[in-house]
Amino acid sequence: MSVKCNSIQLAIAVAALLLLAGCGGGGKASFPTQFSEEEEANDTLPSAQETEEEELEEMGLEVSESSLVDSVFNDFLFAYLHSRSLRHDRTEHPLRLEHSSRPTEMLEQFDPEFEFSFLSGEYFTTLYGNLAQMRAEDNNEEENDSVVSVQRINLNDGTIRNFLFQREKRRWQLAAIRETTFQDDDLCDFLNFYARFSTDSIFQRQSIANPLHISLQDPDDEDQSINGTIHADQWQTFCSEVPGGIISNIRKAQHYGPNRVILRKSGMSDGMQEIFTFTRERETWRLTRYEN
């Protein structure tokens, strides 16, 4: 059961939270830690299943003879980012690079450390159309997908680089890369809004619902939350920085409507998370709920 409080009570309670949370807040995330720095010194790239299994077992991942870590995509992506032999074995060669405005290329050279460096920071982000989609993913209810797009979203220049993974015969494989722009995406309107929201402090302040609903983890009981509202002017006290620049989206079965987007920021190594709910009202996007 949550603890209900008004703005004044919340302000008192949050003083303790700020010492612990800042803008980093609290639930569990299910995604890999940062890239491993270990790389083989020789030029040989092992690809045998035995080598894959040894590397994955060293990471603490459960390996089976039939599917390795292919049953859950996040487990596979973790292994793909950390296992040199798995990357070599599970990447199409040559790799197809599709463009929205010019002919397709076939890449003979592909550097996954560089290409996936946007997933090597302190956190990653995922976009959902509603809470049900986020909860279904957390409960592994959407693992029947045969295609997942790992998106590199550049808020600075309005481009999206889609890494398309396909599962055939129970094995995930990086099959292609597709370069698009915001205009090609069904989240075009939101992404254009968010690009400005993340960089323009005045616009951000104007785009905060007043009052703003918040839910903060109780520092004395991790199973409880403190729910309430704050004035829009207090927003910077609770979260001084939102994800910006280049963000990610692990796009599985999400479907997006025109009036709501949930952005989840998940820590790479500490299991912490923040959830930003944006709602479109009268043609204007606003941040209407924040939780950590």
Protein backbone atom coordinates (compact mmCIF):
# COMPACT_ATOMS: atom_id res chain seq x y z
CA MET A 1 0.00 0.00 0.00
CA SER A 2 1.32 3.47 -0.90
CA VAL A 3 1.59 6.35 1.52
CA LYS A 4 -0.59 9.27 0.40
CA CYS A 5 0.63 12.81 1.03
CA ASN A 6 0.00 16.31 -0.16
CA SER A 7 2.63 18.69 -1.55
CA ILE A 8 3.75 19.97 1.86
CA GLN A 9 4.10 16.52 3.38
CA LEU A 10 5.88 15.33 0.30
CA ALA A 11 8.40 18.15 0.45
CA ILE A 12 9.34 17.09 3.98
CA ALA A 13 9.60 13.42 3.07
CA VAL A 14 11.61 14.03 -0.04
CA ALA A 15 14.47 15.76 1.74
CA ALA A 16 15.69 12.37 2.91
CA LEU A 17 15.11 10.88 -0.51
CA LEU A 18 17.24 13.47 -2.26
CA LEU A 19 20.24 12.42 -0.23
CA LEU A 20 19.84 8.89 -1.57
CA ALA A 21 18.22 9.22 -4.95
CA GLY A 22 19.05 12.52 -6.63
CA CYS A 23 18.00 11.82 -10.20
CA GLY A 24 18.90 8.15 -10.05
CA GLY A 25 16.00 6.46 -8.29
CA GLY A 26 14.99 2.99 -7.65
CA GLY A 27 13.66 -0.26 -9.10
CA LYS A 28 15.38 -3.19 -10.70
CA ALA A 29 16.49 -3.25 -14.32
CA SER A 30 17.13 -6.33 -16.40
CA PHE A 31 19.89 -5.29 -18.78
CA PRO A 32 23.63 -5.83 -19.06
CA THR A 33 26.39 -4.01 -17.26
CA GLN A 34 28.96 -2.07 -19.28
CA PHE A 35 31.05 -3.72 -21.99
CA SER A 36 33.78 -6.07 -20.87
CA GLU A 37 37.22 -4.69 -21.65
CA GLU A 38 38.77 -8.10 -22.28
CA GLU A 39 39.66 -8.69 -25.94
CA GLU A 40 41.80 -11.45 -27.35
CA ALA A 41 45.24 -10.29 -28.52
CA ASN A 42 45.37 -12.67 -31.49
CA ASP A 43 43.48 -12.34 -34.76
CA THR A 44 41.64 -15.65 -34.51
CA LEU A 45 37.89 -15.33 -33.94
CA PRO A 46 36.57 -18.58 -32.44
CA SER A 47 32.99 -19.42 -33.41
CA ALA A 48 32.47 -22.98 -32.21
CA GLN A 49 29.51 -23.64 -29.93
CA GLU A 50 31.85 -24.95 -27.23
CA THR A 51 33.67 -21.62 -27.11
CA GLU A 52 30.37 -19.73 -26.92
CA GLU A 53 29.21 -21.90 -24.05
CA GLU A 54 32.44 -21.42 -22.10
CA GLU A 55 32.28 -17.62 -22.47
CA LEU A 56 28.61 -17.45 -21.53
CA GLU A 57 29.06 -19.70 -18.51
CA GLU A 58 31.85 -17.39 -17.31
CA MET A 59 29.30 -14.55 -17.40
CA GLY A 60 26.95 -16.55 -15.21
CA LEU A 61 24.43 -17.13 -17.99
CA GLU A 62 22.54 -20.38 -18.22
CA VAL A 63 23.44 -22.26 -21.38
CA SER A 64 21.55 -25.16 -22.90
CA GLU A 65 22.60 -27.35 -25.79
CA SER A 66 19.60 -26.39 -27.89
CA SER A 67 19.14 -22.64 -27.48
CA LEU A 68 22.05 -21.11 -25.56
CA VAL A 69 20.57 -17.80 -24.34
CA ASP A 70 18.08 -17.34 -27.18
CA SER A 71 14.87 -17.75 -25.19
CA VAL A 72 15.00 -14.22 -23.74
CA PHE A 73 16.22 -11.45 -26.03
CA ASN A 74 17.79 -9.33 -23.25
CA ASP A 75 19.90 -12.34 -22.22
CA PHE A 76 20.99 -12.81 -25.81
CA LEU A 77 21.85 -9.12 -26.22
CA PHE A 78 23.88 -9.21 -23.00
CA ALA A 79 25.83 -12.18 -24.33
CA TYR A 80 26.19 -10.65 -27.81
CA LEU A 81 27.70 -7.46 -26.39
CA HIS A 82 30.14 -9.35 -24.16
CA SER A 83 31.13 -12.42 -26.16
CA ARG A 84 33.48 -11.88 -29.10
CA SER A 85 32.85 -15.31 -30.54
CA LEU A 86 29.07 -14.94 -30.26
CA ARG A 87 29.18 -11.59 -32.07
CA HIS A 88 31.18 -13.20 -34.85
CA ASP A 89 28.87 -16.19 -35.10
CA ARG A 90 25.60 -14.27 -34.82
CA THR A 91 26.19 -11.40 -37.24
CA GLU A 92 25.28 -11.74 -40.90
CA HIS A 93 28.24 -11.34 -43.20
CA PRO A 94 28.20 -9.22 -45.22
CA LEU A 95 25.75 -7.16 -43.17
CA ARG A 96 22.98 -5.34 -45.00
CA LEU A 97 22.78 -1.56 -44.40
CA GLU A 98 19.47 -0.10 -45.54
CA HIS A 99 18.95 3.62 -46.14
CA SER A 100 15.69 5.50 -46.48
CA SER A 101 16.99 7.77 -49.25
CA ARG A 102 19.65 5.79 -51.14
CA PRO A 103 20.40 2.21 -52.23
CA THR A 104 21.19 -0.55 -49.76
CA GLU A 105 24.86 -1.28 -48.98
CA MET A 106 26.52 -4.55 -48.03
CA LEU A 107 29.03 -4.04 -45.21
CA GLU A 108 32.11 -6.22 -45.37
CA GLN A 109 33.48 -4.61 -42.17
CA PHE A 110 31.40 -4.17 -39.01
CA ASP A 111 32.74 -3.02 -35.64
CA PRO A 112 30.21 -3.94 -32.91
CA GLU A 113 32.22 -2.23 -30.14
CA PHE A 114 31.85 1.07 -31.98
CA GLU A 115 28.35 0.50 -33.29
CA PHE A 116 26.92 -0.45 -29.88
CA SER A 117 28.93 2.04 -27.83
CA PHE A 118 25.68 3.92 -27.12
CA LEU A 119 24.85 1.01 -24.79
CA SER A 120 28.09 1.27 -22.84
CA GLY A 121 27.22 4.25 -20.65
CA GLU A 122 25.66 4.41 -17.19
CA TYR A 123 22.10 3.76 -18.36
CA PHE A 124 19.89 2.79 -21.30
CA THR A 125 16.36 3.89 -22.16
CA THR A 126 13.28 2.12 -23.51
CA LEU A 127 10.06 3.66 -24.83
CA TYR A 128 6.61 2.12 -24.22
CA GLY A 129 3.11 3.02 -25.31
CA ASN A 130 1.60 2.22 -21.91
CA LEU A 131 2.32 0.62 -18.54
CA ALA A 132 0.89 -2.74 -19.61
CA GLN A 133 3.63 -3.10 -22.26
CA MET A 134 6.36 -2.33 -19.74
CA ARG A 135 4.98 -4.79 -17.20
CA ALA A 136 4.52 -7.49 -19.82
CA GLU A 137 8.19 -7.17 -20.78
CA ASP A 138 9.24 -7.36 -17.14
CA ASN A 139 7.20 -10.56 -16.81
CA ASN A 140 8.73 -12.01 -20.01
CA GLU A 141 5.29 -12.12 -21.60
CA GLU A 142 6.47 -10.91 -25.00
CA GLU A 143 9.25 -13.35 -25.77
CA ASN A 144 7.56 -14.83 -28.83
CA ASP A 145 8.84 -12.04 -31.03
CA SER A 146 10.90 -13.02 -34.04
CA VAL A 147 12.21 -9.50 -34.74
CA VAL A 148 13.63 -6.93 -32.30
CA SER A 149 14.99 -3.52 -33.26
CA VAL A 150 17.67 -2.05 -31.02
CA GLN A 151 17.43 1.64 -31.83
CA ARG A 152 20.12 4.29 -31.53
CA ILE A 153 18.12 7.54 -31.41
CA ASN A 154 20.14 10.69 -32.02
CA LEU A 155 18.17 13.60 -30.57
CA ASN A 156 20.73 16.07 -31.95
CA ASP A 157 20.25 15.38 -35.66
CA GLY A 158 16.92 13.52 -35.78
CA THR A 159 18.28 10.18 -37.04
CA ILE A 160 17.61 6.62 -35.94
CA ARG A 161 19.92 3.66 -36.52
CA ASN A 162 17.94 0.42 -36.21
CA PHE A 163 19.89 -2.77 -35.48
CA LEU A 164 17.52 -5.49 -36.63
CA PHE A 165 17.82 -8.83 -34.84
CA GLN A 166 15.87 -11.81 -36.17
CA ARG A 167 15.21 -15.16 -34.56
CA GLU A 168 15.20 -18.13 -36.90
CA LYS A 169 15.31 -21.74 -35.79
CA ARG A 170 15.41 -20.48 -32.18
CA ARG A 171 18.61 -18.49 -32.76
CA TRP A 172 18.91 -14.69 -32.62
CA GLN A 173 21.03 -13.08 -35.34
CA LEU A 174 21.92 -9.48 -36.21
CA ALA A 175 20.44 -9.49 -39.71
CA ALA A 176 20.59 -5.87 -40.89
CA ILE A 177 20.95 -2.20 -40.03
CA ARG A 178 18.35 0.32 -41.16
CA GLU A 179 19.02 4.06 -41.11
CA THR A 180 15.94 6.29 -40.83
CA THR A 181 14.89 9.72 -39.56
CA PHE A 182 12.28 10.84 -37.06
CA GLN A 183 9.95 11.53 -39.99
CA ASP A 184 10.01 7.81 -40.88
CA ASP A 185 9.06 6.72 -37.35
CA ASP A 186 5.63 6.44 -35.74
CA LEU A 187 7.04 8.34 -32.74
CA CYS A 188 8.00 11.33 -34.92
CA ASP A 189 5.85 13.85 -33.06
CA PHE A 190 7.02 12.74 -29.63
CA LEU A 191 10.70 12.50 -30.60
CA ASN A 192 10.69 16.02 -32.01
CA PHE A 193 9.11 17.22 -28.77
CA TYR A 194 11.50 15.27 -26.55
CA ALA A 195 14.59 16.45 -28.44
CA ARG A 196 13.69 19.99 -27.43
CA PHE A 197 12.47 18.97 -23.96
CA SER A 198 15.86 17.44 -23.15
CA THR A 199 17.92 20.49 -24.19
CA ASP A 200 15.79 23.61 -23.66
CA SER A 201 15.34 24.30 -19.93
CA ILE A 202 12.69 26.98 -20.46
CA PHE A 203 10.69 24.74 -22.79
CA GLN A 204 11.10 21.86 -20.34
CA ARG A 205 9.68 23.97 -17.51
CA GLN A 206 6.73 24.94 -19.70
CA SER A 207 6.13 21.25 -20.54
CA ILE A 208 5.77 20.05 -16.93
CA ALA A 209 2.22 19.37 -15.77
CA ASN A 210 1.17 21.54 -12.86
CA PRO A 211 0.72 19.81 -10.50
CA LEU A 212 3.05 16.96 -11.44
CA HIS A 213 2.27 13.53 -10.02
CA ILE A 214 5.27 11.74 -8.55
CA SER A 215 5.97 8.42 -6.89
CA LEU A 216 9.23 7.99 -4.97
CA GLN A 217 10.63 4.91 -3.32
CA ASP A 218 10.42 5.07 0.45
CA PRO A 219 14.03 5.15 1.76
CA ASP A 220 12.92 3.22 4.86
CA ASP A 221 11.02 0.48 3.00
CA GLU A 222 11.90 -0.51 -0.57
CA ASP A 223 8.49 -2.16 -0.99
CA GLN A 224 6.65 1.08 -0.28
CA SER A 225 6.38 4.33 -2.22
CA ILE A 226 5.59 7.92 -1.39
CA ASN A 227 2.94 9.28 -3.74
CA GLY A 228 1.91 12.87 -4.15
CA THR A 229 2.13 15.98 -6.29
CA ILE A 230 4.61 18.81 -6.64
CA HIS A 231 4.46 22.23 -8.24
CA ALA A 232 6.11 22.44 -11.64
CA ASP A 233 8.65 24.90 -10.20
CA GLN A 234 9.96 22.10 -7.94
CA TRP A 235 10.85 19.80 -10.84
CA GLN A 236 14.55 20.66 -10.97
CA THR A 237 14.84 19.72 -7.30
CA PHE A 238 13.69 16.19 -8.06
CA CYS A 239 15.44 15.60 -11.38
CA SER A 240 18.11 18.00 -12.59
CA GLU A 241 18.82 16.09 -15.82
CA VAL A 242 16.78 13.92 -18.17
CA PRO A 243 18.21 11.48 -20.74
CA GLY A 244 19.43 13.41 -23.76
CA GLY A 245 21.83 13.43 -26.69
CA ILE A 246 21.78 9.83 -27.90
CA ILE A 247 19.24 7.50 -26.30
CA SER A 248 18.29 3.90 -26.95
CA ASN A 249 15.05 2.03 -27.49
CA ILE A 250 14.87 -1.75 -27.24
CA ARG A 251 11.82 -2.14 -29.46
CA LYS A 252 10.08 -5.47 -29.19
CA ALA A 253 6.29 -5.65 -29.41
CA GLN A 254 5.62 -2.06 -28.34
CA HIS A 255 2.83 -0.21 -30.09
CA TYR A 256 2.55 3.54 -29.69
CA GLY A 257 -0.63 5.57 -29.65
CA PRO A 258 -0.78 9.30 -30.38
CA ASN A 259 -1.27 10.52 -26.80
CA ARG A 260 1.05 8.68 -24.40
CA VAL A 261 4.70 7.61 -24.25
CA ILE A 262 6.52 6.16 -21.25
CA LEU A 263 10.30 6.56 -21.15
CA ARG A 264 12.11 4.24 -18.75
CA LYS A 265 15.70 5.01 -17.80
CA SER A 266 17.46 1.92 -16.42
CA GLY A 267 20.88 1.81 -14.78
CA MET A 268 23.43 -0.41 -16.47
CA SER A 269 25.08 -1.67 -13.32
CA ASP A 270 23.10 -0.57 -10.28
CA GLY A 271 19.61 -1.82 -11.17
CA MET A 272 18.08 1.62 -10.55
CA GLN A 273 15.42 3.15 -12.76
CA GLU A 274 13.31 6.23 -13.42
CA ILE A 275 10.03 6.33 -15.31
CA PHE A 276 8.80 9.44 -17.15
CA THR A 277 5.21 9.45 -18.41
CA PHE A 278 4.41 11.94 -21.18
CA THR A 279 0.83 12.72 -22.19
CA ARG A 280 -0.37 14.68 -25.20
CA GLU A 281 -3.20 17.05 -24.39
CA ARG A 282 -4.67 19.50 -26.92
CA GLU A 283 -1.76 18.98 -29.34
CA THR A 284 0.79 19.64 -26.58
CA TRP A 285 3.06 17.07 -24.91
CA ARG A 286 3.62 17.33 -21.16
CA LEU A 287 5.43 15.34 -18.51
CA THR A 288 2.52 14.21 -16.32
CA ARG A 289 4.14 11.66 -13.99
CA TYR A 290 7.60 10.87 -12.65
CA GLU A 291 8.62 7.88 -10.52
CA ASN A 292 11.79 6.25 -9.34
